[in-house]
C-alpha atoms as a PDB file:
ATOM      1  CA  MET A   1      -4.885 -18.401  -7.968  1.00  0.00           C
ATOM      2  CA  LEU A   2      -2.143 -17.608  -5.450  1.00  0.00           C
ATOM      3  CA  ARG A   3      -2.134 -19.569  -2.191  1.00  0.00           C
ATOM      4  CA  VAL A   4       0.036 -18.391   0.724  1.00  0.00           C
ATOM      5  CA  HIS A   5       0.386 -21.124   3.358  1.00  0.00           C
ATOM      6  CA  PHE A   6       0.827 -19.992   6.973  1.00  0.00           C
ATOM      7  CA  THR A   7       2.022 -21.803  10.076  1.00  0.00           C
ATOM      8  CA  GLY A   8       1.423 -20.554  13.605  1.00  0.00           C
ATOM      9  CA  LEU A   9       4.903 -19.019  13.593  1.00  0.00           C
ATOM     10  CA  ASP A  10       4.139 -17.196  10.329  1.00  0.00           C
ATOM     11  CA  LEU A  11       1.057 -15.609  11.900  1.00  0.00           C
ATOM     12  CA  ALA A  12       3.213 -14.425  14.792  1.00  0.00           C
ATOM     13  CA  ARG A  13       5.685 -12.943  12.275  1.00  0.00           C
ATOM     14  CA  LEU A  14       3.087 -11.227  10.089  1.00  0.00           C
ATOM     15  CA  ARG A  15       4.042  -7.573   9.544  1.00  0.00           C
ATOM     16  CA  LEU A  16       2.581  -4.527   7.811  1.00  0.00           C
ATOM     17  CA  ALA A  17       4.967  -2.103   6.080  1.00  0.00           C
ATOM     18  CA  GLY A  18       5.121   1.243   7.836  1.00  0.00           C
ATOM     19  CA  ASP A  19       5.456   3.368   4.676  1.00  0.00           C
ATOM     20  CA  PRO A  20       4.823   3.121   0.939  1.00  0.00           C
ATOM     21  CA  ASP A  21       7.672   1.439  -0.921  1.00  0.00           C
ATOM     22  CA  ALA A  22       9.321   3.866  -3.352  1.00  0.00           C
ATOM     23  CA  LEU A  23      10.419   1.225  -5.869  1.00  0.00           C
ATOM     24  CA  TRP A  24       7.287  -0.933  -5.772  1.00  0.00           C
ATOM     25  CA  GLU A  25       5.238   2.226  -6.401  1.00  0.00           C
ATOM     26  CA  SER A  26       7.525   3.206  -9.290  1.00  0.00           C
ATOM     27  CA  VAL A  27       7.421  -0.202 -10.981  1.00  0.00           C
ATOM     28  CA  LEU A  28       3.687  -0.789 -10.493  1.00  0.00           C
ATOM     29  CA  SER A  29       2.841   2.729 -11.657  1.00  0.00           C
ATOM     30  CA  LEU A  30       4.304   1.796 -15.057  1.00  0.00           C
ATOM     31  CA  HIS A  31       1.382  -0.630 -15.394  1.00  0.00           C
ATOM     32  CA  ARG A  32      -1.134   2.073 -14.478  1.00  0.00           C
ATOM     33  CA  LEU A  33       0.465   4.516 -16.916  1.00  0.00           C
ATOM     34  CA  ARG A  34      -0.163   2.147 -19.826  1.00  0.00           C
ATOM     35  CA  ASP A  35      -3.620   0.800 -18.991  1.00  0.00           C
ATOM     36  CA  LYS A  36      -6.894   2.734 -19.233  1.00  0.00           C
ATOM     37  CA  GLN A  37      -8.615   1.586 -16.066  1.00  0.00           C
ATOM     38  CA  GLY A  38      -9.261   3.581 -12.900  1.00  0.00           C
ATOM     39  CA  GLU A  39      -9.672   6.860 -14.752  1.00  0.00           C
ATOM     40  CA  SER A  40     -11.260   8.586 -11.750  1.00  0.00           C
ATOM     41  CA  ILE A  41      -8.231   7.723  -9.619  1.00  0.00           C
ATOM     42  CA  PHE A  42      -5.365   7.790 -12.112  1.00  0.00           C
ATOM     43  CA  GLY A  43      -6.641   9.966 -14.986  1.00  0.00           C
ATOM     44  CA  ASP A  44      -5.101  13.286 -13.933  1.00  0.00           C
ATOM     45  CA  TRP A  45      -1.924  11.553 -12.784  1.00  0.00           C
ATOM     46  CA  ARG A  46      -1.510   9.886 -16.198  1.00  0.00           C
ATOM     47  CA  SER A  47      -1.871  13.100 -18.192  1.00  0.00           C
ATOM     48  CA  GLU A  48       0.386  15.118 -15.871  1.00  0.00           C
ATOM     49  CA  THR A  49       3.053  12.400 -15.690  1.00  0.00           C
ATOM     50  CA  ARG A  50       3.183  11.811 -19.443  1.00  0.00           C
ATOM     51  CA  ALA A  51       3.850  15.514 -19.931  1.00  0.00           C
ATOM     52  CA  ARG A  52       6.904  15.310 -17.645  1.00  0.00           C
ATOM     53  CA  LEU A  53       8.462  12.103 -18.978  1.00  0.00           C
ATOM     54  CA  ASN A  54      11.368  12.155 -21.400  1.00  0.00           C
ATOM     55  CA  GLY A  55      11.732   8.649 -22.789  1.00  0.00           C
ATOM     56  CA  GLU A  56      11.997   6.796 -19.462  1.00  0.00           C
ATOM     57  CA  THR A  57       8.923   4.663 -20.171  1.00  0.00           C
ATOM     58  CA  ARG A  58      10.393   3.472 -23.477  1.00  0.00           C
ATOM     59  CA  LEU A  59      13.568   2.337 -21.702  1.00  0.00           C
ATOM     60  CA  LEU A  60      11.816   0.641 -18.784  1.00  0.00           C
ATOM     61  CA  ALA A  61       8.938  -0.992 -20.672  1.00  0.00           C
ATOM     62  CA  PRO A  62      10.926  -4.092 -21.787  1.00  0.00           C
ATOM     63  CA  LEU A  63      11.901  -4.719 -18.152  1.00  0.00           C
ATOM     64  CA  VAL A  64       8.391  -4.102 -16.808  1.00  0.00           C
ATOM     65  CA  PRO A  65       5.938  -5.426 -19.398  1.00  0.00           C
ATOM     66  CA  SER A  66       2.237  -4.692 -19.104  1.00  0.00           C
ATOM     67  CA  ARG A  67       1.621  -8.280 -18.015  1.00  0.00           C
ATOM     68  CA  GLY A  68       3.680 -11.090 -16.656  1.00  0.00           C
ATOM     69  CA  TYR A  69       7.051 -11.393 -15.000  1.00  0.00           C
ATOM     70  CA  PHE A  70       9.413  -8.552 -14.184  1.00  0.00           C
ATOM     71  CA  PRO A  71      12.740  -9.046 -12.343  1.00  0.00           C
ATOM     72  CA  ASP A  72      12.637  -9.254  -8.551  1.00  0.00           C
ATOM     73  CA  PHE A  73      15.812  -7.189  -8.226  1.00  0.00           C
ATOM     74  CA  LEU A  74      13.925  -4.061  -9.366  1.00  0.00           C
ATOM     75  CA  THR A  75      12.083  -3.937  -6.027  1.00  0.00           C
ATOM     76  CA  PRO A  76      14.548  -4.630  -3.170  1.00  0.00           C
ATOM     77  CA  PRO A  77      13.096  -4.609   0.368  1.00  0.00           C
ATOM     78  CA  GLU A  78      15.023  -1.412   1.167  1.00  0.00           C
ATOM     79  CA  GLY A  79      12.571   0.536  -1.015  1.00  0.00           C
ATOM     80  CA  VAL A  80      10.268   0.857   1.992  1.00  0.00           C
ATOM     81  CA  LEU A  81      12.994   3.021   3.604  1.00  0.00           C
ATOM     82  CA  GLY A  82      12.823   5.523   0.752  1.00  0.00           C
ATOM     83  CA  LEU A  83      14.112   6.011  -2.780  1.00  0.00           C
ATOM     84  CA  ASP A  84      17.757   6.563  -1.817  1.00  0.00           C
ATOM     85  CA  SER A  85      17.924   3.346   0.216  1.00  0.00           C
ATOM     86  CA  GLY A  86      16.087   1.414  -2.461  1.00  0.00           C
ATOM     87  CA  MET A  87      18.317   2.670  -5.275  1.00  0.00           C
ATOM     88  CA  GLN A  88      21.453   1.902  -3.274  1.00  0.00           C
ATOM     89  CA  ALA A  89      20.266  -1.671  -2.739  1.00  0.00           C
ATOM     90  CA  LEU A  90      19.400  -1.936  -6.424  1.00  0.00           C
ATOM     91  CA  ARG A  91      22.911  -0.816  -7.422  1.00  0.00           C
ATOM     92  CA  GLU A  92      24.377  -3.475  -5.123  1.00  0.00           C
ATOM     93  CA  THR A  93      22.487  -6.338  -6.771  1.00  0.00           C
ATOM     94  CA  PRO A  94      24.969  -9.178  -7.412  1.00  0.00           C
ATOM     95  CA  PRO A  95      25.732  -9.523 -11.153  1.00  0.00           C
ATOM     96  CA  GLU A  96      24.888 -13.231 -11.098  1.00  0.00           C
ATOM     97  CA  ARG A  97      21.387 -12.427  -9.829  1.00  0.00           C
ATOM     98  CA  VAL A  98      20.901  -9.794 -12.548  1.00  0.00           C
ATOM     99  CA  HIS A  99      22.002 -12.363 -15.125  1.00  0.00           C
ATOM    100  CA  GLN A 100      19.659 -15.033 -13.780  1.00  0.00           C
ATOM    101  CA  GLU A 101      16.548 -12.847 -13.558  1.00  0.00           C
ATOM    102  CA  LEU A 102      17.059 -11.173 -16.921  1.00  0.00           C
ATOM    103  CA  GLY A 103      17.593 -14.644 -18.368  1.00  0.00           C
ATOM    104  CA  ARG A 104      14.166 -15.607 -17.070  1.00  0.00           C
ATOM    105  CA  LEU A 105      12.699 -12.499 -18.687  1.00  0.00           C
ATOM    106  CA  SER A 106      14.385 -13.271 -22.022  1.00  0.00           C
ATOM    107  CA  THR A 107      12.584 -16.622 -22.241  1.00  0.00           C
ATOM    108  CA  VAL A 108       9.233 -14.868 -22.723  1.00  0.00           C
ATOM    109  CA  ARG A 109      10.213 -11.786 -24.775  1.00  0.00           C
ATOM    110  CA  THR A 110      13.024 -10.392 -26.913  1.00  0.00           C
ATOM    111  CA  LEU A 111      15.115  -7.872 -24.972  1.00  0.00           C
ATOM    112  CA  PRO A 112      16.870  -4.792 -26.397  1.00  0.00           C
ATOM    113  CA  ALA A 113      20.638  -4.958 -26.840  1.00  0.00           C
ATOM    114  CA  TRP A 114      21.380  -2.730 -23.835  1.00  0.00           C
ATOM    115  CA  ILE A 115      19.416  -5.017 -21.495  1.00  0.00           C
ATOM    116  CA  ARG A 116      21.159  -8.089 -22.913  1.00  0.00           C
ATOM    117  CA  SER A 117      24.510  -6.426 -22.244  1.00  0.00           C
ATOM    118  CA  MET A 118      23.370  -5.584 -18.711  1.00  0.00           C
ATOM    119  CA  ALA A 119      22.639  -9.282 -18.208  1.00  0.00           C
ATOM    120  CA  GLU A 120      26.258  -9.972 -19.183  1.00  0.00           C
ATOM    121  CA  GLY A 121      27.597  -7.593 -16.543  1.00  0.00           C
ATOM    122  CA  ASP A 122      27.889  -4.295 -18.445  1.00  0.00           C
ATOM    123  CA  SER A 123      28.069  -1.669 -15.675  1.00  0.00           C
ATOM    124  CA  ARG A 124      27.234   1.172 -18.079  1.00  0.00           C
ATOM    125  CA  ALA A 125      24.025  -0.559 -19.076  1.00  0.00           C
ATOM    126  CA  PHE A 126      23.136  -1.056 -15.412  1.00  0.00           C
ATOM    127  CA  ALA A 127      23.782   2.650 -14.771  1.00  0.00           C
ATOM    128  CA  LYS A 128      21.417   3.385 -17.667  1.00  0.00           C
ATOM    129  CA  LEU A 129      18.716   1.369 -15.884  1.00  0.00           C
ATOM    130  CA  THR A 130      19.178   3.050 -12.512  1.00  0.00           C
ATOM    131  CA  GLY A 131      19.270   6.491 -14.138  1.00  0.00           C
ATOM    132  CA  ALA A 132      16.040   5.845 -16.040  1.00  0.00           C
ATOM    133  CA  LEU A 133      14.318   4.468 -12.939  1.00  0.00           C
ATOM    134  CA  GLN A 134      15.399   7.445 -10.829  1.00  0.00           C
ATOM    135  CA  ALA A 135      14.255   9.931 -13.479  1.00  0.00           C
ATOM    136  CA  TYR A 136      10.932   8.101 -13.831  1.00  0.00           C
ATOM    137  CA  HIS A 137      10.374   8.215 -10.064  1.00  0.00           C
ATOM    138  CA  GLU A 138      11.062  11.953  -9.987  1.00  0.00           C
ATOM    139  CA  ALA A 139       8.525  12.543 -12.767  1.00  0.00           C
ATOM    140  CA  ALA A 140       5.791  10.056 -11.869  1.00  0.00           C
ATOM    141  CA  ILE A 141       6.006   9.436  -8.120  1.00  0.00           C
ATOM    142  CA  ALA A 142       7.810  12.210  -6.243  1.00  0.00           C
ATOM    143  CA  PRO A 143       5.278  15.004  -7.055  1.00  0.00           C
ATOM    144  CA  TYR A 144       2.487  12.843  -5.586  1.00  0.00           C
ATOM    145  CA  TRP A 145       4.351  11.306  -2.657  1.00  0.00           C
ATOM    146  CA  SER A 146       2.386  13.114   0.061  1.00  0.00           C
ATOM    147  CA  HIS A 147      -0.888  11.961  -1.487  1.00  0.00           C
ATOM    148  CA  ILE A 148       0.412   8.398  -1.814  1.00  0.00           C
ATOM    149  CA  GLN A 149       1.537   8.466   1.816  1.00  0.00           C
ATOM    150  CA  ALA A 150      -1.876   9.677   2.973  1.00  0.00           C
ATOM    151  CA  GLN A 151      -3.644   6.883   1.095  1.00  0.00           C
ATOM    152  CA  ILE A 152      -1.283   4.247   2.510  1.00  0.00           C
ATOM    153  CA  GLU A 153      -1.692   5.629   6.024  1.00  0.00           C
ATOM    154  CA  ALA A 154      -5.473   5.450   5.688  1.00  0.00           C
ATOM    155  CA  ASP A 155      -5.222   1.831   4.559  1.00  0.00           C
ATOM    156  CA  ARG A 156      -2.857   1.020   7.421  1.00  0.00           C
ATOM    157  CA  ALA A 157      -5.330   2.513   9.880  1.00  0.00           C
ATOM    158  CA  VAL A 158      -7.975   0.064   8.652  1.00  0.00           C
ATOM    159  CA  ARG A 159      -5.603  -2.914   8.866  1.00  0.00           C
ATOM    160  CA  GLY A 160      -4.177  -1.776  12.209  1.00  0.00           C
ATOM    161  CA  ARG A 161      -7.599  -1.471  13.768  1.00  0.00           C
ATOM    162  CA  ALA A 162      -8.452  -4.970  12.519  1.00  0.00           C
ATOM    163  CA  LEU A 163      -5.236  -6.281  14.061  1.00  0.00           C
ATOM    164  CA  LEU A 164      -6.014  -4.617  17.402  1.00  0.00           C
ATOM    165  CA  ASP A 165      -9.569  -5.919  17.418  1.00  0.00           C
ATOM    166  CA  GLY A 166      -8.941  -9.504  16.308  1.00  0.00           C
ATOM    167  CA  GLY A 167      -5.240 -10.216  15.837  1.00  0.00           C
ATOM    168  CA  ALA A 168      -3.571 -11.601  12.711  1.00  0.00           C
ATOM    169  CA  ASP A 169      -6.693 -13.537  11.780  1.00  0.00           C
ATOM    170  CA  ALA A 170      -8.764 -10.339  11.593  1.00  0.00           C
ATOM    171  CA  LEU A 171      -5.995  -8.472   9.758  1.00  0.00           C
ATOM    172  CA  LEU A 172      -5.831 -11.098   7.019  1.00  0.00           C
ATOM    173  CA  SER A 173      -9.629 -11.167   6.809  1.00  0.00           C
ATOM    174  CA  SER A 174      -9.678  -7.375   6.324  1.00  0.00           C
ATOM    175  CA  LEU A 175      -7.599  -7.436   3.112  1.00  0.00           C
ATOM    176  CA  PRO A 176      -9.221  -6.408  -0.216  1.00  0.00           C
ATOM    177  CA  PRO A 177     -11.889  -8.639  -1.809  1.00  0.00           C
ATOM    178  CA  MET A 178      -9.497 -10.274  -4.285  1.00  0.00           C
ATOM    179  CA  MET A 179      -7.751 -11.794  -1.251  1.00  0.00           C
ATOM    180  CA  ARG A 180      -9.537 -14.373   0.916  1.00  0.00           C
ATOM    181  CA  TRP A 181      -8.337 -15.669   4.278  1.00  0.00           C
ATOM    182  CA  ARG A 182      -9.271 -19.317   4.700  1.00  0.00           C
ATOM    183  CA  ALA A 183      -7.057 -20.291   7.587  1.00  0.00           C
ATOM    184  CA  PRO A 184      -4.323 -21.364   7.347  1.00  0.00           C
ATOM    185  CA  VAL A 185      -4.190 -20.298   3.676  1.00  0.00           C
ATOM    186  CA  LEU A 186      -4.491 -16.809   2.178  1.00  0.00           C
ATOM    187  CA  GLU A 187      -5.943 -17.148  -1.326  1.00  0.00           C
ATOM    188  CA  ALA A 188      -5.773 -14.400  -3.924  1.00  0.00           C
ATOM    189  CA  ASP A 189      -6.738 -13.802  -7.532  1.00  0.00           C
ATOM    190  CA  TYR A 190      -3.559 -14.227  -9.568  1.00  0.00           C
ATOM    191  CA  PRO A 191      -2.621 -14.608 -13.253  1.00  0.00           C
ATOM    192  CA  VAL A 192      -1.043 -18.046 -12.666  1.00  0.00           C
ATOM    193  CA  ASP A 193      -1.573 -20.943 -10.269  1.00  0.00           C
ATOM    194  CA  ARG A 194       1.050 -20.723  -7.508  1.00  0.00           C
ATOM    195  CA  ASP A 195       1.703 -21.773  -3.910  1.00  0.00           C
ATOM    196  CA  ILE A 196       3.952 -19.948  -1.433  1.00  0.00           C
ATOM    197  CA  HIS A 197       4.914 -21.864   1.704  1.00  0.00           C
ATOM    198  CA  LEU A 198       6.146 -19.375   4.293  1.00  0.00           C
ATOM    199  CA  GLY A 199       7.707 -22.073   6.478  1.00  0.00           C
ATOM    200  CA  GLY A 200       8.027 -19.909   9.590  1.00  0.00           C
ATOM    201  CA  ARG A 201       9.648 -16.924   7.826  1.00  0.00           C
ATOM    202  CA  GLY A 202       6.594 -14.716   8.288  1.00  0.00           C
ATOM    203  CA  LEU A 203       5.192 -12.310   5.706  1.00  0.00           C
ATOM    204  CA  LEU A 204       5.535  -8.592   5.064  1.00  0.00           C
ATOM    205  CA  LEU A 205       2.326  -7.039   3.743  1.00  0.00           C
ATOM    206  CA  VAL A 206       2.986  -3.917   1.655  1.00  0.00           C
ATOM    207  CA  PRO A 207      -0.023  -1.736   0.776  1.00  0.00           C
ATOM    208  CA  SER A 208       0.485  -0.042  -2.594  1.00  0.00           C
ATOM    209  CA  PHE A 209      -1.240   2.926  -4.203  1.00  0.00           C
ATOM    210  CA  PHE A 210      -0.542   1.733  -7.757  1.00  0.00           C
ATOM    211  CA  CYS A 211      -1.157  -1.988  -7.257  1.00  0.00           C
ATOM    212  CA  ARG A 212      -4.556  -2.932  -8.699  1.00  0.00           C
ATOM    213  CA  ARG A 213      -6.673  -6.030  -9.315  1.00  0.00           C
ATOM    214  CA  THR A 214      -4.252  -8.635  -7.908  1.00  0.00           C
ATOM    215  CA  PRO A 215      -1.488  -8.703  -5.281  1.00  0.00           C
ATOM    216  CA  VAL A 216       2.136  -9.173  -6.331  1.00  0.00           C
ATOM    217  CA  ALA A 217       4.831 -11.407  -4.822  1.00  0.00           C
ATOM    218  CA  TYR A 218       8.457 -12.193  -5.529  1.00  0.00           C
ATOM    219  CA  VAL A 219       9.028 -15.115  -7.890  1.00  0.00           C
ATOM    220  CA  ASN A 220      12.255 -16.238  -6.200  1.00  0.00           C
ATOM    221  CA  PRO A 221      11.169 -18.449  -3.257  1.00  0.00           C
ATOM    222  CA  GLU A 222      14.473 -17.823  -1.476  1.00  0.00           C
ATOM    223  CA  LEU A 223      13.758 -14.111  -0.968  1.00  0.00           C
ATOM    224  CA  ALA A 224      12.092 -12.909   2.232  1.00  0.00           C
ATOM    225  CA  PRO A 225       8.322 -13.292   1.631  1.00  0.00           C
ATOM    226  CA  VAL A 226       6.604 -10.069   0.586  1.00  0.00           C
ATOM    227  CA  LEU A 227       3.036  -9.598  -0.621  1.00  0.00           C
ATOM    228  CA  VAL A 228       2.173  -6.247  -2.187  1.00  0.00           C
ATOM    229  CA  TYR A 229      -1.574  -5.612  -2.239  1.00  0.00           C
ATOM    230  CA  PRO A 230      -3.871  -2.825  -3.524  1.00  0.00           C
ATOM    231  CA  ALA A 231      -4.342  -0.168  -0.869  1.00  0.00           C
ATOM    232  CA  ARG A 232      -7.834   1.022  -0.202  1.00  0.00           C
ATOM    233  CA  HIS A 233      -8.241   4.351  -1.994  1.00  0.00           C
ATOM    234  CA  MET A 234     -10.170   7.017  -0.176  1.00  0.00           C
ATOM    235  CA  SER A 235     -12.377   7.536  -3.244  1.00  0.00           C
ATOM    236  CA  GLU A 236     -13.482   3.914  -2.906  1.00  0.00           C
ATOM    237  CA  CYS A 237     -14.688   4.311   0.693  1.00  0.00           C
ATOM    238  CA  ALA A 238     -18.270   4.871   1.709  1.00  0.00           C
ATOM    239  CA  PRO A 239     -19.045   8.633   1.918  1.00  0.00           C
ATOM    240  CA  ALA A 240     -19.658   8.478   5.671  1.00  0.00           C
ATOM    241  CA  GLU A 241     -16.130   7.197   6.166  1.00  0.00           C
ATOM    242  CA  VAL A 242     -14.339   9.952   4.286  1.00  0.00           C
ATOM    243  CA  THR A 243     -16.556  13.021   4.387  1.00  0.00           C
ATOM    244  CA  ALA A 244     -18.478  14.691   7.155  1.00  0.00           C
ATOM    245  CA  PRO A 245     -22.054  15.948   6.688  1.00  0.00           C
ATOM    246  CA  ARG A 246     -22.257  19.532   5.390  1.00  0.00           C
ATOM    247  CA  SER A 247     -24.257  20.470   8.451  1.00  0.00           C
ATOM    248  CA  LEU A 248     -21.313  19.423  10.621  1.00  0.00           C
ATOM    249  CA  GLY A 249     -19.136  21.972   8.848  1.00  0.00           C
ATOM    250  CA  LYS A 250     -21.618  24.692   9.759  1.00  0.00           C
ATOM    251  CA  LEU A 251     -21.535  23.551  13.376  1.00  0.00           C
ATOM    252  CA  VAL A 252     -17.803  23.156  14.032  1.00  0.00           C
ATOM    253  CA  GLY A 253     -16.214  24.813  10.999  1.00  0.00           C
ATOM    254  CA  HIS A 254     -15.120  23.207   7.742  1.00  0.00           C
ATOM    255  CA  THR A 255     -11.493  22.592   8.719  1.00  0.00           C
ATOM    256  CA  ARG A 256     -12.418  21.049  12.060  1.00  0.00           C
ATOM    257  CA  SER A 257     -15.086  18.984  10.294  1.00  0.00           C
ATOM    258  CA  ALA A 258     -12.423  17.758   7.841  1.00  0.00           C
ATOM    259  CA  VAL A 259     -10.138  16.883  10.779  1.00  0.00           C
ATOM    260  CA  LEU A 260     -12.885  14.850  12.425  1.00  0.00           C
ATOM    261  CA  GLY A 261     -13.720  13.067   9.159  1.00  0.00           C
ATOM    262  CA  SER A 262     -10.073  12.289   8.392  1.00  0.00           C
ATOM    263  CA  ILE A 263      -9.217  10.568  11.662  1.00  0.00           C
ATOM    264  CA  GLY A 264     -11.030   7.428  10.502  1.00  0.00           C
ATOM    265  CA  GLY A 265      -9.752   4.318  12.251  1.00  0.00           C
ATOM    266  CA  GLY A 266      -6.953   6.262  13.928  1.00  0.00           C
ATOM    267  CA  CYS A 267      -3.934   8.335  12.919  1.00  0.00           C
ATOM    268  CA  THR A 268      -0.998  10.313  14.270  1.00  0.00           C
ATOM    269  CA  THR A 269      -0.850  14.107  14.196  1.00  0.00           C
ATOM    270  CA  SER A 270       1.497  14.139  11.185  1.00  0.00           C
ATOM    271  CA  GLU A 271      -0.759  11.714   9.295  1.00  0.00           C
ATOM    272  CA  LEU A 272      -3.784  13.844  10.136  1.00  0.00           C
ATOM    273  CA  ALA A 273      -2.007  16.973   8.899  1.00  0.00           C
ATOM    274  CA  ARG A 274      -1.228  15.334   5.537  1.00  0.00           C
ATOM    275  CA  ARG A 275      -4.765  14.023   5.088  1.00  0.00           C
ATOM    276  CA  VAL A 276      -6.339  17.412   5.761  1.00  0.00           C
ATOM    277  CA  GLY A 277      -3.620  19.484   4.109  1.00  0.00           C
ATOM    278  CA  VAL A 278      -2.752  21.657   7.125  1.00  0.00           C
ATOM    279  CA  SER A 279       0.352  22.071   9.276  1.00  0.00           C
ATOM    280  CA  ALA A 280       1.072  19.638  12.075  1.00  0.00           C
ATOM    281  CA  ALA A 281       0.580  22.435  14.608  1.00  0.00           C
ATOM    282  CA  SER A 282      -2.835  23.260  13.149  1.00  0.00           C
ATOM    283  CA  ALA A 283      -3.857  19.607  13.100  1.00  0.00           C
ATOM    284  CA  SER A 284      -2.803  19.235  16.741  1.00  0.00           C
ATOM    285  CA  GLN A 285      -4.732  22.356  17.738  1.00  0.00           C
ATOM    286  CA  HIS A 286      -7.939  21.233  16.008  1.00  0.00           C
ATOM    287  CA  ALA A 287      -7.630  17.718  17.438  1.00  0.00           C
ATOM    288  CA  GLY A 288      -7.206  19.268  20.902  1.00  0.00           C
ATOM    289  CA  VAL A 289     -10.427  21.242  20.581  1.00  0.00           C
ATOM    290  CA  LEU A 290     -12.278  18.134  19.422  1.00  0.00           C
ATOM    291  CA  ARG A 291     -10.757  16.170  22.317  1.00  0.00           C
ATOM    292  CA  GLU A 292     -11.998  18.725  24.848  1.00  0.00           C
ATOM    293  CA  ALA A 293     -15.463  18.378  23.316  1.00  0.00           C
ATOM    294  CA  GLY A 294     -15.367  14.612  23.853  1.00  0.00           C
ATOM    295  CA  LEU A 295     -15.277  13.785  20.126  1.00  0.00           C
ATOM    296  CA  VAL A 296     -11.679  12.540  19.893  1.00  0.00           C
ATOM    297  CA  LEU A 297      -9.494  10.419  22.139  1.00  0.00           C
ATOM    298  CA  THR A 298      -5.719  10.953  22.043  1.00  0.00           C
ATOM    299  CA  LEU A 299      -3.247   8.347  23.288  1.00  0.00           C
ATOM    300  CA  ARG A 300       0.538   8.680  23.378  1.00  0.00           C
ATOM    301  CA  ASN A 301       2.496   5.959  21.565  1.00  0.00           C
ATOM    302  CA  GLY A 302       6.187   6.506  22.218  1.00  0.00           C
ATOM    303  CA  SER A 303       7.126   9.890  20.783  1.00  0.00           C
ATOM    304  CA  ALA A 304       3.927  10.054  18.695  1.00  0.00           C
ATOM    305  CA  VAL A 305       0.272  10.461  19.606  1.00  0.00           C
ATOM    306  CA  MET A 306      -2.597   8.497  18.085  1.00  0.00           C
ATOM    307  CA  HIS A 307      -5.987  10.122  17.558  1.00  0.00           C
ATOM    308  CA  THR A 308      -9.168   8.035  17.390  1.00  0.00           C
ATOM    309  CA  LEU A 309     -12.850   8.873  17.366  1.00  0.00           C
ATOM    310  CA  THR A 310     -14.947   8.451  20.488  1.00  0.00           C
ATOM    311  CA  PRO A 311     -18.427   6.913  20.045  1.00  0.00           C
ATOM    312  CA  LEU A 312     -19.843  10.445  20.273  1.00  0.00           C
ATOM    313  CA  GLY A 313     -17.470  11.669  17.571  1.00  0.00           C
ATOM    314  CA  ALA A 314     -18.355   8.729  15.309  1.00  0.00           C
ATOM    315  CA  ALA A 315     -22.080   9.330  15.866  1.00  0.00           C
ATOM    316  CA  LEU A 316     -21.689  13.043  15.055  1.00  0.00           C
ATOM    317  CA  LEU A 317     -19.792  12.159  11.881  1.00  0.00           C
ATOM    318  CA  ARG A 318     -22.638   9.847  10.834  1.00  0.00           C
ATOM    319  CA  GLY A 319     -25.116  12.666  11.320  1.00  0.00           C
ATOM    320  CA  GLY A 320     -26.439  11.321  14.611  1.00  0.00           C
ATOM    321  CA  HIS A 321     -27.542   7.951  13.261  1.00  0.00           C
ATOM    322  CA  ARG A 322     -26.719   5.097  15.626  1.00  0.00           C
ATOM    323  CA  PRO A 323     -25.975   1.610  14.307  1.00  0.00           C
ATOM    324  CA  ARG A 324     -28.844  -0.831  14.824  1.00  0.00           C
ATOM    325  CA  VAL A 325     -28.385  -2.822  18.033  1.00  0.00           C
ATOM    326  CA  ARG A 326     -28.666  -6.570  17.540  1.00  0.00           C
ATOM    327  CA  SER A 327     -30.260  -8.954  19.982  1.00  0.00           C
ATOM    328  CA  ALA A 328     -28.090 -11.271  22.071  1.00  0.00           C
ATOM    329  CA  ALA A 329     -28.943 -14.170  19.770  1.00  0.00           C
ATOM    330  CA  GLN A 330     -27.990 -12.156  16.679  1.00  0.00           C
ATOM    331  CA  SER A 331     -24.731 -11.087  18.295  1.00  0.00           C
ATOM    332  CA  SER A 332     -23.448 -14.574  18.981  1.00  0.00           C
ATOM    333  CA  ILE A 333     -20.200 -15.405  17.153  1.00  0.00           C
ATOM    334  CA  PRO A 334     -20.160 -18.745  15.323  1.00  0.00           C
ATOM    335  CA  GLU A 335     -17.319 -21.123  16.100  1.00  0.00           C
ATOM    336  CA  ARG A 336     -14.464 -21.079  13.562  1.00  0.00           C
ATOM    337  CA  SER A 337     -11.971 -23.757  12.713  1.00  0.00           C
ATOM    338  CA  THR A 338      -8.362 -23.264  13.740  1.00  0.00           C
ATOM    339  CA  PRO A 339      -6.694 -21.643  11.655  1.00  0.00           C
ATOM    340  CA  ALA A 340       5.198 -13.364  -7.136  1.00  0.00           C
ATOM    341  CA  THR A 341       6.028 -11.175  -9.178  1.00  0.00           C
ATOM    342  CA  MET A 342       3.249 -11.138 -11.781  1.00  0.00           C
END
């Protein structure tokens, strides 16, 4: 089990990554490429990606084994800014850190000669690593980036709404079932027994499309705390949350029905366009029509606008079924106590 210990300052410094992390997705997808689980989600991706690869998996596999430790330097924080930023940070990894982390890896498995030479500071071997990782990303991640972004945005909408409704406590409670918030400790299923004491540094939560079963954290306790967790896939949501009734499509049109069903817990116009697969202008136009009908509420947030469902829009999406109203006694809220790399 993994236990992440929070202080009050850590809760104030809790953050949610704004975009998928290019390097975390690349590294974690290597696990999904080699396992056989999640066929409905990853099956087509596996077969299509394998057809495009040209030996990159063979090179990277010793660095990213199917289970256990892989070096922290493979996933620098800059990966959330995009592949170019992440790769630049990776290339700037201090040689002594490369040596130390590869040394840790060598204690549990025998490494190929080129990785051993990289640990000793061979720049050509390091260039071989970055070239293989870049080529792997282009084959396995880049063709699906829009889909990955849409899934991460949908997950962020769920977490963001929880944060707005109940603060950091509600956000942590909304995380996937393998993670359990028991204030002031976040517990998670994990392959080893480990404690992370944040000590006022805060925590960056990074939703990941390819992370499955357990979250992942840096091993080095001196690095800024990051916890990568499995994003909620749209295929795992209840049908009412991701699809509108067929009758609604007949009433408002299939595209507009898809727009209404894709807004979920809230999204910007660009996010909505990606989820539905239309242009931003089209998404804005459809959202405007739905807003005039009283089904959608649009609020400006800086240079962006955020679309959310009104109660009428949510009821229409559910097919007109209202949630059961509880009595005042049933609605009372019980008192609560105060609150690595695999």
